[in-house]
Protein backbone atom coordinates (compact mmCIF):
# COMPACT_ATOMS: atom_id res chain seq x y z
CA UNK A 1 187.80 261.49 154.69
CA UNK A 2 190.58 258.88 154.31
CA UNK A 3 193.61 258.73 156.57
CA UNK A 4 197.12 258.91 155.09
CA UNK A 5 198.93 259.69 158.34
CA UNK A 6 202.51 258.43 158.27
CA UNK A 7 202.42 257.83 154.51
CA UNK A 8 204.80 259.31 151.94
CA UNK A 9 203.43 260.09 148.48
CA UNK A 10 204.90 261.15 145.16
CA UNK A 11 202.55 262.91 142.75
CA UNK A 12 203.77 263.57 139.22
CA UNK A 13 202.19 266.37 137.25
CA UNK A 14 201.60 267.92 140.65
CA UNK A 15 201.90 271.58 139.67
CA UNK A 16 198.44 271.94 138.14
CA UNK A 17 195.05 270.38 137.55
CA UNK A 18 194.40 266.95 139.02
CA UNK A 19 197.95 266.62 140.36
CA UNK A 20 197.71 269.93 142.20
CA UNK A 21 194.38 268.95 143.74
CA UNK A 22 195.78 265.56 144.78
CA UNK A 23 198.94 267.08 146.27
CA UNK A 24 196.92 269.41 148.48
CA UNK A 25 194.36 266.76 149.43
CA UNK A 26 196.96 264.12 150.27
CA UNK A 27 198.80 266.58 152.51
CA UNK A 28 195.54 267.56 154.21
CA UNK A 29 194.89 263.86 154.79
CA UNK A 30 198.18 263.37 156.65
CA UNK A 31 200.73 262.41 153.99
CA UNK A 32 204.13 263.92 153.36
CA UNK A 33 204.22 264.74 149.66
CA UNK A 34 206.79 265.10 146.90
CA UNK A 35 205.32 267.26 144.15
CA UNK A 36 206.94 266.45 140.79
CA UNK A 37 206.57 268.52 137.63
CA UNK A 38 208.40 270.38 134.87
CA UNK A 39 206.71 273.60 135.97
CA UNK A 40 209.04 274.87 138.69
CA UNK A 41 207.13 278.02 139.63
CA UNK A 42 203.74 276.41 140.14
CA UNK A 43 205.28 273.25 141.56
CA UNK A 44 207.07 275.18 144.29
CA UNK A 45 203.85 277.03 145.06
CA UNK A 46 201.87 273.78 145.40
CA UNK A 47 204.53 272.34 147.73
CA UNK A 48 204.34 275.49 149.85
CA UNK A 49 200.55 275.35 150.04
CA UNK A 50 200.62 271.64 150.87
CA UNK A 51 203.11 272.25 153.67
CA UNK A 52 200.78 274.81 155.22
CA UNK A 53 198.37 271.98 156.02
CA UNK A 54 200.81 270.84 158.71
CA UNK A 55 202.59 268.13 156.73
CA UNK A 56 205.84 268.54 154.87
CA UNK A 57 205.86 268.80 151.09
CA UNK A 58 208.78 269.35 148.74
CA UNK A 59 209.07 270.00 145.03
CA UNK A 60 211.23 268.02 142.61
CA UNK A 61 211.74 269.13 139.01
CA UNK A 62 211.02 265.99 136.97
CA UNK A 63 210.62 264.98 133.35
CA UNK A 64 208.79 261.67 133.75
CA UNK A 65 209.94 260.44 130.35
CA UNK A 66 213.60 260.37 131.48
CA UNK A 67 214.58 257.39 133.64
CA UNK A 68 217.37 259.19 135.49
CA UNK A 69 214.94 261.90 136.58
CA UNK A 70 212.45 259.33 137.89
CA UNK A 71 215.28 257.67 139.80
CA UNK A 72 216.21 261.06 141.28
CA UNK A 73 212.57 261.66 142.19
CA UNK A 74 212.29 258.38 144.07
CA UNK A 75 215.59 259.12 145.83
CA UNK A 76 214.30 262.56 146.86
CA UNK A 77 211.30 260.95 148.54
CA UNK A 78 213.27 258.29 150.39
CA UNK A 79 216.12 260.63 151.34
CA UNK A 80 213.74 263.29 152.65
CA UNK A 81 211.08 261.15 154.29
CA UNK A 82 212.73 257.74 154.72
CA UNK A 83 210.19 255.68 152.79
CA UNK A 84 207.69 255.59 149.91
CA UNK A 85 204.12 254.39 150.23
CA UNK A 86 202.19 255.98 147.36
CA UNK A 87 203.18 256.65 143.75
CA UNK A 88 200.62 258.63 141.75
CA UNK A 89 201.74 258.54 138.11
CA UNK A 90 199.58 261.43 136.98
CA UNK A 91 201.73 263.51 134.61
CA UNK A 92 200.41 263.71 131.08
CA UNK A 93 200.03 265.79 127.94
CA UNK A 94 197.45 265.97 125.17
CA UNK A 95 200.27 265.41 122.72
CA UNK A 96 199.68 264.76 119.04
CA UNK A 97 196.31 266.14 117.94
CA UNK A 98 194.68 265.78 114.54
CA UNK A 99 194.04 263.29 111.73
CA UNK A 100 195.99 260.04 112.07
CA UNK A 101 197.60 260.49 108.65
CA UNK A 102 199.01 263.85 109.72
CA UNK A 103 200.55 262.72 113.02
CA UNK A 104 204.34 262.81 112.89
CA UNK A 105 206.42 260.03 114.37
CA UNK A 106 208.09 262.59 116.63
CA UNK A 107 204.75 263.83 118.02
CA UNK A 108 203.53 260.25 118.47
CA UNK A 109 206.69 259.24 120.34
CA UNK A 110 206.70 262.30 122.59
CA UNK A 111 203.09 261.63 123.60
CA UNK A 112 203.85 258.00 124.36
CA UNK A 113 206.99 258.95 126.27
CA UNK A 114 205.10 261.15 128.73
CA UNK A 115 201.76 259.35 128.98
CA UNK A 116 202.98 255.73 128.94
CA UNK A 117 206.74 255.50 129.45
CA UNK A 118 206.43 257.88 132.42
CA UNK A 119 203.94 255.52 134.07
CA UNK A 120 206.15 252.49 133.39
CA UNK A 121 209.17 254.25 134.88
CA UNK A 122 207.22 255.36 137.93
CA UNK A 123 206.10 251.79 138.61
CA UNK A 124 209.53 250.35 137.90
CA UNK A 125 211.40 252.55 140.35
CA UNK A 126 208.73 252.85 143.06
CA UNK A 127 208.56 249.08 143.54
CA UNK A 128 211.76 248.58 145.55
CA UNK A 129 211.16 251.24 148.23
CA UNK A 130 207.52 250.16 148.54
CA UNK A 131 208.60 246.56 148.98
CA UNK A 132 211.04 247.71 151.67
CA UNK A 133 208.20 249.56 153.41
CA UNK A 134 206.06 246.41 153.47
CA UNK A 135 203.73 247.42 150.66
CA UNK A 136 202.21 250.41 148.99
CA UNK A 137 199.82 251.83 146.43
CA UNK A 138 200.64 252.67 142.83
CA UNK A 139 198.03 254.80 141.07
CA UNK A 140 198.16 256.00 137.49
CA UNK A 141 196.02 258.29 135.40
CA UNK A 142 194.41 256.61 132.42
CA UNK A 143 191.39 258.14 130.63
CA UNK A 144 188.01 257.20 129.23
CA UNK A 145 189.75 258.04 125.95
CA UNK A 146 191.64 254.78 126.49
CA UNK A 147 188.42 252.83 127.04
CA UNK A 148 186.36 254.03 124.08
CA UNK A 149 187.18 254.80 120.48
CA UNK A 150 187.62 258.42 119.47
CA UNK A 151 189.32 260.44 116.76
CA UNK A 152 191.87 263.23 116.92
CA UNK A 153 193.87 262.00 119.93
CA UNK A 154 195.28 258.75 118.61
CA UNK A 155 198.59 258.61 120.46
CA UNK A 156 197.06 259.87 123.72
CA UNK A 157 194.18 257.37 123.58
CA UNK A 158 196.51 254.48 122.72
CA UNK A 159 198.80 255.40 125.62
CA UNK A 160 195.91 255.66 128.06
CA UNK A 161 194.57 252.27 126.97
CA UNK A 162 198.03 250.84 127.56
CA UNK A 163 198.14 252.40 131.03
CA UNK A 164 194.98 250.51 131.98
CA UNK A 165 196.43 247.21 130.76
CA UNK A 166 199.85 247.86 132.28
CA UNK A 167 198.01 248.44 135.56
CA UNK A 168 196.49 244.95 135.42
CA UNK A 169 199.83 243.35 134.57
CA UNK A 170 201.71 245.21 137.29
CA UNK A 171 199.02 244.34 139.83
CA UNK A 172 199.83 240.67 139.24
CA UNK A 173 203.56 241.33 139.36
CA UNK A 174 203.54 243.08 142.71
CA UNK A 175 200.61 241.42 144.49
CA UNK A 176 202.81 239.17 146.67
CA UNK A 177 204.70 242.27 147.80
CA UNK A 178 201.45 243.82 149.12
CA UNK A 179 201.75 246.56 146.51
CA UNK A 180 198.39 247.49 145.04
CA UNK A 181 198.29 248.84 141.48
CA UNK A 182 195.25 250.70 140.18
CA UNK A 183 194.43 253.48 137.75
CA UNK A 184 191.80 256.16 137.33
CA UNK A 185 190.04 256.86 134.04
CA UNK A 186 188.77 260.44 134.20
CA UNK A 187 186.10 261.74 131.90
CA UNK A 188 186.05 265.40 130.92
CA UNK A 189 187.76 267.33 133.72
CA UNK A 190 188.24 271.09 133.82
CA UNK A 191 192.04 271.22 133.77
CA UNK A 192 194.75 273.15 131.90
CA UNK A 193 195.54 270.11 129.71
CA UNK A 194 191.96 270.09 128.43
CA UNK A 195 192.08 273.82 127.70
CA UNK A 196 195.21 273.17 125.63
CA UNK A 197 193.49 270.41 123.66
CA UNK A 198 190.25 272.33 123.11
CA UNK A 199 191.95 275.63 122.32
CA UNK A 200 189.13 277.55 123.95
CA UNK A 201 188.58 279.69 127.01
CA UNK A 202 187.53 278.21 130.34
CA UNK A 203 183.84 279.13 130.03
CA UNK A 204 183.53 277.54 126.57
CA UNK A 205 185.32 274.38 127.65
CA UNK A 206 183.25 273.97 130.81
CA UNK A 207 180.04 274.55 128.87
CA UNK A 208 181.06 271.65 126.64
CA UNK A 209 181.96 269.50 129.65
CA UNK A 210 178.52 270.01 131.14
CA UNK A 211 177.02 268.47 127.99
CA UNK A 212 179.50 265.60 127.87
CA UNK A 213 177.87 263.25 130.34
CA UNK A 214 174.41 262.62 131.82
CA UNK A 215 175.28 263.65 135.38
CA UNK A 216 174.71 267.41 135.78
CA UNK A 217 178.16 268.32 137.07
CA UNK A 218 181.28 269.78 135.49
CA UNK A 219 184.16 267.45 136.26
CA UNK A 220 186.71 269.13 138.53
CA UNK A 221 190.27 268.19 139.56
CA UNK A 222 189.05 267.48 143.10
CA UNK A 223 186.84 264.68 141.74
CA UNK A 224 189.93 262.82 140.57
CA UNK A 225 191.90 263.75 143.69
CA UNK A 226 189.16 262.20 145.83
CA UNK A 227 189.32 258.98 143.80
CA UNK A 228 193.11 258.88 144.11
CA UNK A 229 192.87 259.45 147.86
CA UNK A 230 190.53 256.48 148.19
CA UNK A 231 192.83 254.21 146.18
CA UNK A 232 195.86 255.39 148.17
CA UNK A 233 194.20 254.72 151.52
CA UNK A 234 193.67 251.54 153.50
CA UNK A 235 189.97 251.76 152.61
CA UNK A 236 191.01 250.28 149.24
CA UNK A 237 193.20 247.58 150.81
CA UNK A 238 191.57 244.77 148.80
CA UNK A 239 191.44 246.61 145.47
CA UNK A 240 194.15 246.02 142.89
CA UNK A 241 194.33 245.72 139.11
CA UNK A 242 191.29 247.98 138.79
CA UNK A 243 190.47 250.90 136.51
CA UNK A 244 188.24 253.31 138.43
CA UNK A 245 186.13 255.29 135.97
CA UNK A 246 185.29 258.81 137.19
CA UNK A 247 183.27 260.36 134.38
CA UNK A 248 179.80 261.41 135.49
CA UNK A 249 178.31 258.51 133.55
CA UNK A 250 179.88 259.43 130.20
CA UNK A 251 180.78 255.81 129.44
CA UNK A 252 177.49 254.44 130.78
CA UNK A 253 175.66 255.57 127.66
CA UNK A 254 174.74 258.65 125.65
CA UNK A 255 173.69 261.71 127.57
CA UNK A 256 170.44 261.76 125.60
CA UNK A 257 169.46 258.46 127.24
CA UNK A 258 169.11 260.16 130.62
CA UNK A 259 165.63 261.63 131.28
CA UNK A 260 165.41 265.33 131.95
CA UNK A 261 165.24 266.37 135.59
CA UNK A 262 161.67 266.68 136.84
CA UNK A 263 160.15 265.13 133.72
CA UNK A 264 157.22 262.81 134.52
CA UNK A 265 157.12 259.76 132.28
CA UNK A 266 154.16 257.46 131.69
CA UNK A 267 154.65 253.83 132.74
CA UNK A 268 153.83 251.32 130.00
CA UNK A 269 154.23 247.63 129.19
CA UNK A 270 155.13 246.33 125.72
CA UNK A 271 153.64 242.89 125.24
CA UNK A 272 153.40 240.59 122.21
CA UNK A 273 152.97 242.39 118.91
CA UNK A 274 149.50 240.91 118.27
CA UNK A 275 148.22 242.53 121.47
CA UNK A 276 149.50 245.97 120.56
CA UNK A 277 151.96 247.88 122.66
CA UNK A 278 152.22 250.75 125.04
CA UNK A 279 149.49 249.68 127.42
CA UNK A 280 149.44 251.69 130.58
CA UNK A 281 150.52 249.84 133.70
CA UNK A 282 148.59 250.77 136.86
């Protein structure tokens, strides 16, 4: 769909969910990929599957909250492939869950370290090799939880809101270097991180996802991977500082506002109150 031939991409959180889907899709679209994750077993498997598409992929064990490990990750990409064009800061955790008054400082900080500091570090250390390559695309995973108020995921939502704003600031910082900086705000997506937050089995979680937004589709990792592929490609060459919402209409309004499929509604016109209302319009 979009051509990444000759590009080199790093994808954090690449061992599962949206990162796994993006790793495979980017490789299929012509990129060489560095899959980064704490999950060695699944990360190695994703790199192997990505390589089977005809492009080389390698795995790098990475804790995105540790600066030295991000530096090592960037070095692995440039040492192996000679350049860096795409940095997808996707790694995340649900983190601290529950009432705000019960959230410990340690749980708050750990959530922020992965979901926000990891994005900052990815941007910080990807900039130099992208500048050397003549430009590039930084993409980060935010969330609709960072765009709307919600309870129970305070540290996560705050971090995701910060990711969206950091994206705008970094877009200004790196614009003259031809480095585009964007983020994706997923809605409910059927991924392992969501199963961990919901504490339910896959069928129960996906049943809830289907009711989350007006569009009749359960959000899948490939939906986010497709959005990331677009932002990584030259098709998005004039897009920077943008938060791309991919949520099946969840933030457009309540699901109840969408008419039921196949339902025929009567057309009316509501005029001045003294004339009455609800007159049929021919």
